[in-house]
Amino acid sequence: MKKLPPKEKILEAYTAIGDHHVQMGENEAKVISSNEAKRYTVKWHGDLYQSNDNATYWQGYPGYPILAVLMLQGRLPFDPKLAKQLSNIDWNKVNQEFKRHYAAAATAVLTKNGLDVGKVMHEVESCYEALTKLPLVIKRCGVKVEKLTSSNS
């Protein structure tokens, strides 16, 4: 993998799983955004993963939809209890409020939800470390993003 995501994107993947926003198929998944405004497509074949979420498409690193799929496939470690604790978070809104300063946004969300920031970030580090060891190829997915609401997100 040429480029790694910000570690905090792992928390967004947890929220997608906790909110049951990931619908897995055989070689494709549909992932609904945290504000439920968009549905992304993730496709894979072996170690090649493609997605049409903004991070993957424009930045070239695996966005939270790919990370969520990797967790559900068992390729990345993931704690189901933490997924429940991180449910119902509108990361789009939070990230806008913090002007895409993902570390500050994550700390604020974890603190607001009464979670132990150190413990959660230890889980994130473990997942991130596993991600660095995967021989992934990340590419853009040409499927158009499905808009689910008239939100400006």
N, C-alpha and C. Protein backbone atom coordinates (compact mmCIF):
# COMPACT_ATOMS: atom_id res chain seq x y z
N MET A 1 0.86 -1.16 0.00
CA MET A 1 0.00 0.00 0.00
C MET A 1 0.91 1.23 0.00
N LYS A 2 0.61 2.13 -0.90
CA LYS A 2 1.45 3.31 -1.06
C LYS A 2 1.23 4.36 0.01
N LYS A 3 -0.01 4.50 0.48
CA LYS A 3 -0.34 5.57 1.41
C LYS A 3 -1.25 5.04 2.52
N LEU A 4 -0.95 5.41 3.74
CA LEU A 4 -1.75 4.97 4.89
C LEU A 4 -2.73 6.07 5.30
N PRO A 5 -3.88 5.67 5.83
CA PRO A 5 -4.87 6.67 6.27
C PRO A 5 -4.48 7.27 7.62
N PRO A 6 -5.10 8.39 7.97
CA PRO A 6 -4.95 8.87 9.35
C PRO A 6 -5.51 7.77 10.28
N LYS A 7 -4.84 7.55 11.39
CA LYS A 7 -5.25 6.49 12.31
C LYS A 7 -6.70 6.64 12.76
N GLU A 8 -7.17 7.86 12.88
CA GLU A 8 -8.52 8.11 13.37
C GLU A 8 -9.60 7.59 12.44
N LYS A 9 -9.26 7.31 11.19
CA LYS A 9 -10.23 6.74 10.25
C LYS A 9 -10.70 5.36 10.73
N ILE A 10 -9.87 4.73 11.54
CA ILE A 10 -10.24 3.43 12.11
C ILE A 10 -11.47 3.59 13.01
N LEU A 11 -11.55 4.69 13.73
CA LEU A 11 -12.72 4.95 14.57
C LEU A 11 -13.97 5.10 13.72
N GLU A 12 -13.84 5.72 12.56
CA GLU A 12 -14.98 5.88 11.66
C GLU A 12 -15.44 4.51 11.14
N ALA A 13 -14.49 3.63 10.90
CA ALA A 13 -14.83 2.27 10.48
C ALA A 13 -15.59 1.54 11.59
N TYR A 14 -15.16 1.74 12.83
CA TYR A 14 -15.86 1.16 13.98
C TYR A 14 -17.31 1.64 14.03
N THR A 15 -17.51 2.93 13.79
CA THR A 15 -18.87 3.49 13.82
C THR A 15 -19.72 2.87 12.71
N ALA A 16 -19.15 2.72 11.53
CA ALA A 16 -19.90 2.11 10.42
C ALA A 16 -20.36 0.70 10.79
N ILE A 17 -19.50 -0.04 11.45
CA ILE A 17 -19.85 -1.40 11.88
C ILE A 17 -20.87 -1.35 13.01
N GLY A 18 -20.64 -0.49 13.99
CA GLY A 18 -21.55 -0.37 15.13
C GLY A 18 -22.95 0.06 14.73
N ASP A 19 -23.04 0.87 13.67
CA ASP A 19 -24.33 1.33 13.18
C ASP A 19 -24.96 0.38 12.16
N HIS A 20 -24.32 -0.75 11.92
CA HIS A 20 -24.79 -1.74 10.93
C HIS A 20 -24.91 -1.10 9.55
N HIS A 21 -23.94 -0.26 9.20
CA HIS A 21 -23.94 0.44 7.92
C HIS A 21 -23.14 -0.28 6.85
N VAL A 22 -22.66 -1.48 7.15
CA VAL A 22 -21.86 -2.23 6.18
C VAL A 22 -22.63 -3.48 5.77
N GLN A 23 -22.96 -3.54 4.49
CA GLN A 23 -23.67 -4.70 3.94
C GLN A 23 -22.66 -5.46 3.07
N MET A 24 -22.22 -6.61 3.57
CA MET A 24 -21.19 -7.39 2.90
C MET A 24 -21.79 -8.31 1.85
N GLY A 25 -21.10 -8.38 0.71
CA GLY A 25 -21.42 -9.34 -0.33
C GLY A 25 -20.21 -10.22 -0.55
N GLU A 26 -20.23 -10.99 -1.63
CA GLU A 26 -19.13 -11.92 -1.89
C GLU A 26 -17.83 -11.20 -2.24
N ASN A 27 -17.88 -10.23 -3.14
CA ASN A 27 -16.70 -9.45 -3.53
C ASN A 27 -16.99 -7.96 -3.55
N GLU A 28 -18.07 -7.57 -2.86
CA GLU A 28 -18.47 -6.17 -2.86
C GLU A 28 -19.24 -5.89 -1.57
N ALA A 29 -19.08 -4.68 -1.08
CA ALA A 29 -19.84 -4.24 0.09
C ALA A 29 -20.41 -2.86 -0.19
N LYS A 30 -21.52 -2.57 0.45
CA LYS A 30 -22.12 -1.23 0.43
C LYS A 30 -21.98 -0.68 1.84
N VAL A 31 -21.51 0.56 1.93
CA VAL A 31 -21.27 1.18 3.23
C VAL A 31 -21.97 2.53 3.26
N ILE A 32 -22.88 2.70 4.21
CA ILE A 32 -23.61 3.95 4.36
C ILE A 32 -22.80 4.90 5.24
N SER A 33 -22.74 6.16 4.84
CA SER A 33 -21.98 7.16 5.59
C SER A 33 -22.58 7.39 6.97
N SER A 34 -21.79 7.96 7.87
CA SER A 34 -22.23 8.15 9.26
C SER A 34 -23.42 9.09 9.37
N ASN A 35 -23.59 10.00 8.41
CA ASN A 35 -24.75 10.90 8.45
C ASN A 35 -25.90 10.36 7.59
N GLU A 36 -25.70 9.16 7.08
CA GLU A 36 -26.70 8.43 6.28
C GLU A 36 -27.09 9.17 5.01
N ALA A 37 -26.19 10.01 4.50
CA ALA A 37 -26.46 10.77 3.28
C ALA A 37 -25.96 10.09 2.02
N LYS A 38 -24.97 9.19 2.16
CA LYS A 38 -24.37 8.55 0.99
C LYS A 38 -24.15 7.07 1.22
N ARG A 39 -24.10 6.33 0.10
CA ARG A 39 -23.76 4.90 0.16
C ARG A 39 -22.56 4.68 -0.75
N TYR A 40 -21.49 4.18 -0.15
CA TYR A 40 -20.26 3.91 -0.89
C TYR A 40 -20.18 2.44 -1.29
N THR A 41 -19.41 2.18 -2.33
CA THR A 41 -19.18 0.83 -2.80
C THR A 41 -17.73 0.46 -2.57
N VAL A 42 -17.51 -0.71 -1.99
CA VAL A 42 -16.16 -1.26 -1.83
C VAL A 42 -16.14 -2.57 -2.59
N LYS A 43 -15.13 -2.74 -3.45
CA LYS A 43 -14.96 -3.98 -4.20
C LYS A 43 -13.57 -4.53 -3.90
N TRP A 44 -13.44 -5.85 -3.95
CA TRP A 44 -12.14 -6.44 -3.71
C TRP A 44 -11.98 -7.73 -4.50
N HIS A 45 -10.72 -8.02 -4.76
CA HIS A 45 -10.30 -9.27 -5.38
C HIS A 45 -8.90 -9.54 -4.86
N GLY A 46 -8.79 -10.55 -4.00
CA GLY A 46 -7.50 -10.81 -3.36
C GLY A 46 -7.10 -9.63 -2.50
N ASP A 47 -5.92 -9.07 -2.78
CA ASP A 47 -5.42 -7.94 -2.00
C ASP A 47 -5.71 -6.58 -2.65
N LEU A 48 -6.45 -6.59 -3.76
CA LEU A 48 -6.83 -5.35 -4.43
C LEU A 48 -8.18 -4.88 -3.89
N TYR A 49 -8.20 -3.68 -3.33
CA TYR A 49 -9.43 -3.09 -2.79
C TYR A 49 -9.69 -1.76 -3.49
N GLN A 50 -10.95 -1.55 -3.86
CA GLN A 50 -11.37 -0.32 -4.51
C GLN A 50 -12.57 0.25 -3.77
N SER A 51 -12.63 1.58 -3.71
CA SER A 51 -13.78 2.22 -3.10
C SER A 51 -13.98 3.59 -3.74
N ASN A 52 -15.22 4.07 -3.65
CA ASN A 52 -15.53 5.40 -4.19
C ASN A 52 -15.73 6.44 -3.10
N ASP A 53 -15.33 6.13 -1.85
CA ASP A 53 -15.38 7.15 -0.80
C ASP A 53 -14.31 8.19 -1.10
N ASN A 54 -14.49 9.39 -0.57
CA ASN A 54 -13.59 10.51 -0.89
C ASN A 54 -12.13 10.23 -0.55
N ALA A 55 -11.87 9.64 0.60
CA ALA A 55 -10.48 9.40 1.00
C ALA A 55 -9.78 8.46 0.02
N THR A 56 -10.43 7.37 -0.31
CA THR A 56 -9.83 6.41 -1.23
C THR A 56 -9.71 7.01 -2.62
N TYR A 57 -10.79 7.63 -3.07
CA TYR A 57 -10.85 8.14 -4.43
C TYR A 57 -9.88 9.30 -4.67
N TRP A 58 -9.85 10.25 -3.74
CA TRP A 58 -9.05 11.45 -3.96
C TRP A 58 -7.69 11.43 -3.28
N GLN A 59 -7.60 10.79 -2.11
CA GLN A 59 -6.33 10.81 -1.36
C GLN A 59 -5.47 9.57 -1.60
N GLY A 60 -6.09 8.49 -2.07
CA GLY A 60 -5.33 7.29 -2.40
C GLY A 60 -5.02 6.37 -1.24
N TYR A 61 -5.59 6.65 -0.08
CA TYR A 61 -5.41 5.73 1.05
C TYR A 61 -6.74 5.04 1.33
N PRO A 62 -6.70 3.90 2.03
CA PRO A 62 -7.97 3.21 2.32
C PRO A 62 -8.82 4.03 3.28
N GLY A 63 -9.98 4.45 2.82
CA GLY A 63 -10.92 5.19 3.65
C GLY A 63 -11.63 4.26 4.62
N TYR A 64 -12.45 4.83 5.47
CA TYR A 64 -13.12 4.03 6.49
C TYR A 64 -13.99 2.91 5.90
N PRO A 65 -14.60 3.07 4.71
CA PRO A 65 -15.38 1.93 4.18
C PRO A 65 -14.50 0.69 3.94
N ILE A 66 -13.31 0.90 3.38
CA ILE A 66 -12.40 -0.24 3.18
C ILE A 66 -11.94 -0.79 4.52
N LEU A 67 -11.62 0.08 5.46
CA LEU A 67 -11.18 -0.39 6.79
C LEU A 67 -12.27 -1.22 7.46
N ALA A 68 -13.51 -0.79 7.36
CA ALA A 68 -14.62 -1.55 7.95
C ALA A 68 -14.75 -2.92 7.31
N VAL A 69 -14.61 -2.98 6.01
CA VAL A 69 -14.68 -4.27 5.30
C VAL A 69 -13.54 -5.18 5.76
N LEU A 70 -12.33 -4.63 5.85
CA LEU A 70 -11.19 -5.43 6.30
C LEU A 70 -11.41 -5.97 7.72
N MET A 71 -12.03 -5.18 8.57
CA MET A 71 -12.35 -5.64 9.93
C MET A 71 -13.35 -6.79 9.89
N LEU A 72 -14.40 -6.60 9.11
CA LEU A 72 -15.44 -7.64 9.05
C LEU A 72 -14.94 -8.91 8.35
N GLN A 73 -13.94 -8.78 7.51
CA GLN A 73 -13.33 -9.95 6.87
C GLN A 73 -12.34 -10.65 7.79
N GLY A 74 -12.05 -10.04 8.93
CA GLY A 74 -11.08 -10.63 9.86
C GLY A 74 -9.64 -10.34 9.49
N ARG A 75 -9.42 -9.43 8.56
CA ARG A 75 -8.05 -9.09 8.15
C ARG A 75 -7.44 -8.03 9.06
N LEU A 76 -8.29 -7.30 9.78
CA LEU A 76 -7.83 -6.33 10.77
C LEU A 76 -8.50 -6.65 12.09
N PRO A 77 -7.78 -6.48 13.21
CA PRO A 77 -8.39 -6.73 14.51
C PRO A 77 -9.48 -5.71 14.80
N PHE A 78 -10.50 -6.17 15.50
CA PHE A 78 -11.62 -5.28 15.78
C PHE A 78 -12.37 -5.79 17.00
N ASP A 79 -12.78 -4.87 17.86
CA ASP A 79 -13.48 -5.18 19.11
C ASP A 79 -14.96 -4.81 18.95
N PRO A 80 -15.86 -5.82 18.89
CA PRO A 80 -17.29 -5.54 18.71
C PRO A 80 -17.86 -4.63 19.80
N LYS A 81 -17.34 -4.74 21.02
CA LYS A 81 -17.82 -3.89 22.11
C LYS A 81 -17.53 -2.41 21.81
N LEU A 82 -16.34 -2.16 21.29
CA LEU A 82 -15.97 -0.79 20.94
C LEU A 82 -16.83 -0.28 19.79
N ALA A 83 -17.18 -1.14 18.87
CA ALA A 83 -18.05 -0.73 17.75
C ALA A 83 -19.40 -0.25 18.29
N LYS A 84 -19.92 -0.95 19.29
CA LYS A 84 -21.19 -0.52 19.91
C LYS A 84 -21.02 0.83 20.61
N GLN A 85 -19.90 1.00 21.30
CA GLN A 85 -19.65 2.25 22.02
C GLN A 85 -19.46 3.44 21.08
N LEU A 86 -19.05 3.16 19.85
CA LEU A 86 -18.82 4.23 18.88
C LEU A 86 -19.96 4.37 17.88
N SER A 87 -21.09 3.78 18.17
CA SER A 87 -22.23 3.90 17.26
C SER A 87 -22.88 5.28 17.40
N ASN A 88 -23.64 5.64 16.39
CA ASN A 88 -24.41 6.89 16.37
C ASN A 88 -23.56 8.15 16.45
N ILE A 89 -22.41 8.13 15.79
CA ILE A 89 -21.56 9.32 15.72
C ILE A 89 -21.56 9.80 14.27
N ASP A 90 -21.91 11.04 14.08
CA ASP A 90 -21.90 11.65 12.74
C ASP A 90 -20.50 12.22 12.51
N TRP A 91 -19.62 11.37 12.00
CA TRP A 91 -18.23 11.78 11.80
C TRP A 91 -18.10 12.91 10.78
N ASN A 92 -18.99 12.92 9.81
CA ASN A 92 -18.95 13.99 8.81
C ASN A 92 -19.09 15.34 9.52
N LYS A 93 -20.07 15.44 10.39
CA LYS A 93 -20.32 16.68 11.13
C LYS A 93 -19.15 17.01 12.06
N VAL A 94 -18.68 16.00 12.80
CA VAL A 94 -17.57 16.21 13.74
C VAL A 94 -16.32 16.67 13.00
N ASN A 95 -16.00 16.00 11.90
CA ASN A 95 -14.80 16.36 11.15
C ASN A 95 -14.90 17.77 10.55
N GLN A 96 -16.10 18.17 10.17
CA GLN A 96 -16.29 19.55 9.69
C GLN A 96 -16.07 20.55 10.83
N GLU A 97 -16.62 20.22 12.01
CA GLU A 97 -16.46 21.11 13.16
C GLU A 97 -14.99 21.30 13.52
N PHE A 98 -14.21 20.24 13.37
CA PHE A 98 -12.79 20.30 13.73
C PHE A 98 -11.91 20.57 12.51
N LYS A 99 -12.52 21.00 11.42
CA LYS A 99 -11.79 21.36 10.20
C LYS A 99 -10.82 20.28 9.76
N ARG A 100 -11.29 19.04 9.81
CA ARG A 100 -10.51 17.87 9.38
C ARG A 100 -9.27 17.60 10.23
N HIS A 101 -9.24 18.15 11.45
CA HIS A 101 -8.15 17.84 12.39
C HIS A 101 -8.61 16.57 13.11
N TYR A 102 -8.30 15.43 12.48
CA TYR A 102 -8.87 14.15 12.90
C TYR A 102 -8.51 13.75 14.33
N ALA A 103 -7.29 14.04 14.77
CA ALA A 103 -6.89 13.67 16.14
C ALA A 103 -7.72 14.43 17.17
N ALA A 104 -7.91 15.72 16.96
CA ALA A 104 -8.71 16.52 17.90
C ALA A 104 -10.17 16.07 17.87
N ALA A 105 -10.68 15.77 16.68
CA ALA A 105 -12.06 15.30 16.56
C ALA A 105 -12.24 13.99 17.31
N ALA A 106 -11.29 13.07 17.14
CA ALA A 106 -11.38 11.77 17.81
C ALA A 106 -11.34 11.92 19.32
N THR A 107 -10.43 12.73 19.82
CA THR A 107 -10.33 12.94 21.27
C THR A 107 -11.63 13.52 21.82
N ALA A 108 -12.19 14.49 21.12
CA ALA A 108 -13.45 15.11 21.56
C ALA A 108 -14.59 14.09 21.60
N VAL A 109 -14.69 13.27 20.56
CA VAL A 109 -15.76 12.26 20.50
C VAL A 109 -15.59 11.22 21.60
N LEU A 110 -14.39 10.74 21.78
CA LEU A 110 -14.15 9.71 22.81
C LEU A 110 -14.44 10.26 24.20
N THR A 111 -13.97 11.47 24.46
CA THR A 111 -14.20 12.10 25.76
C THR A 111 -15.69 12.32 26.00
N LYS A 112 -16.38 12.87 25.01
CA LYS A 112 -17.82 13.14 25.12
C LYS A 112 -18.61 11.87 25.40
N ASN A 113 -18.14 10.75 24.85
CA ASN A 113 -18.84 9.48 25.03
C ASN A 113 -18.35 8.70 26.24
N GLY A 114 -17.51 9.33 27.07
CA GLY A 114 -17.05 8.71 28.31
C GLY A 114 -16.12 7.53 28.12
N LEU A 115 -15.41 7.51 27.01
CA LEU A 115 -14.50 6.40 26.73
C LEU A 115 -13.08 6.77 27.16
N ASP A 116 -12.31 5.77 27.53
CA ASP A 116 -10.92 5.96 27.92
C ASP A 116 -10.11 6.19 26.65
N VAL A 117 -9.70 7.43 26.42
CA VAL A 117 -9.00 7.79 25.18
C VAL A 117 -7.76 6.93 24.98
N GLY A 118 -6.97 6.76 26.02
CA GLY A 118 -5.74 5.95 25.91
C GLY A 118 -6.03 4.52 25.52
N LYS A 119 -7.03 3.93 26.15
CA LYS A 119 -7.38 2.53 25.86
C LYS A 119 -7.89 2.38 24.42
N VAL A 120 -8.75 3.28 24.01
CA VAL A 120 -9.30 3.21 22.65
C VAL A 120 -8.19 3.43 21.63
N MET A 121 -7.34 4.39 21.87
CA MET A 121 -6.26 4.66 20.92
C MET A 121 -5.25 3.51 20.88
N HIS A 122 -5.14 2.76 21.97
CA HIS A 122 -4.31 1.55 21.95
C HIS A 122 -4.91 0.53 20.97
N GLU A 123 -6.23 0.39 20.99
CA GLU A 123 -6.93 -0.49 20.02
C GLU A 123 -6.67 -0.01 18.60
N VAL A 124 -6.76 1.31 18.41
CA VAL A 124 -6.53 1.90 17.09
C VAL A 124 -5.11 1.61 16.62
N GLU A 125 -4.13 1.78 17.52
CA GLU A 125 -2.72 1.50 17.18
C GLU A 125 -2.53 0.05 16.76
N SER A 126 -3.17 -0.87 17.47
CA SER A 126 -3.08 -2.30 17.16
C SER A 126 -3.62 -2.57 15.76
N CYS A 127 -4.76 -1.98 15.46
CA CYS A 127 -5.37 -2.14 14.15
C CYS A 127 -4.49 -1.51 13.07
N TYR A 128 -3.98 -0.33 13.34
CA TYR A 128 -3.13 0.38 12.39
C TYR A 128 -1.86 -0.41 12.08
N GLU A 129 -1.27 -0.97 13.13
CA GLU A 129 -0.06 -1.79 12.96
C GLU A 129 -0.35 -2.98 12.05
N ALA A 130 -1.50 -3.62 12.25
CA ALA A 130 -1.89 -4.76 11.39
C ALA A 130 -2.10 -4.29 9.96
N LEU A 131 -2.68 -3.10 9.79
CA LEU A 131 -2.91 -2.56 8.46
C LEU A 131 -1.60 -2.35 7.71
N THR A 132 -0.57 -1.88 8.42
CA THR A 132 0.72 -1.62 7.76
C THR A 132 1.35 -2.91 7.23
N LYS A 133 0.93 -4.04 7.74
CA LYS A 133 1.51 -5.33 7.34
C LYS A 133 0.73 -6.02 6.22
N LEU A 134 -0.43 -5.49 5.88
CA LEU A 134 -1.21 -6.11 4.82
C LEU A 134 -0.66 -5.69 3.45
N PRO A 135 -0.55 -6.66 2.52
CA PRO A 135 -0.02 -6.33 1.18
C PRO A 135 -1.11 -5.81 0.25
N LEU A 136 -1.77 -4.74 0.63
CA LEU A 136 -2.92 -4.24 -0.11
C LEU A 136 -2.52 -3.33 -1.28
N VAL A 137 -3.35 -3.38 -2.30
CA VAL A 137 -3.29 -2.42 -3.40
C VAL A 137 -4.62 -1.68 -3.33
N ILE A 138 -4.57 -0.36 -3.23
CA ILE A 138 -5.77 0.46 -3.08
C ILE A 138 -5.98 1.26 -4.36
N LYS A 139 -7.19 1.18 -4.90
CA LYS A 139 -7.50 1.92 -6.13
C LYS A 139 -8.87 2.57 -6.02
N ARG A 140 -9.07 3.54 -6.88
CA ARG A 140 -10.37 4.20 -7.00
C ARG A 140 -11.39 3.22 -7.57
N CYS A 141 -12.61 3.37 -7.15
CA CYS A 141 -13.71 2.59 -7.70
C CYS A 141 -14.53 3.55 -8.56
N GLY A 142 -14.77 3.18 -9.80
CA GLY A 142 -15.48 4.05 -10.73
C GLY A 142 -16.98 4.12 -10.56
N VAL A 143 -17.52 3.37 -9.60
CA VAL A 143 -18.96 3.40 -9.37
C VAL A 143 -19.34 4.73 -8.74
N LYS A 144 -20.41 5.34 -9.25
CA LYS A 144 -20.85 6.63 -8.71
C LYS A 144 -21.37 6.47 -7.27
N VAL A 145 -21.05 7.43 -6.41
CA VAL A 145 -21.54 7.44 -5.02
C VAL A 145 -23.05 7.63 -5.06
N GLU A 146 -23.75 6.83 -4.28
CA GLU A 146 -25.21 6.92 -4.19
C GLU A 146 -25.57 7.94 -3.12
N LYS A 147 -26.31 8.95 -3.50
CA LYS A 147 -26.80 9.94 -2.51
C LYS A 147 -28.11 9.42 -1.95
N LEU A 148 -28.21 9.37 -0.63
CA LEU A 148 -29.39 8.82 0.04
C LEU A 148 -30.34 9.90 0.53
N THR A 149 -29.81 11.12 0.77
CA THR A 149 -30.66 12.23 1.24
C THR A 149 -30.25 13.48 0.48
N SER A 150 -30.97 14.52 0.69
CA SER A 150 -30.64 15.79 0.03
C SER A 150 -29.62 16.59 0.82
N SER A 151 -28.95 15.95 1.79
CA SER A 151 -27.96 16.62 2.62
C SER A 151 -26.82 17.15 1.76
N ASN A 152 -26.19 18.21 2.21
CA ASN A 152 -25.06 18.78 1.47
C ASN A 152 -23.76 18.12 1.84
N SER A 153 -23.79 16.95 2.41
CA SER A 153 -22.59 16.27 2.85
C SER A 153 -21.91 15.54 1.74
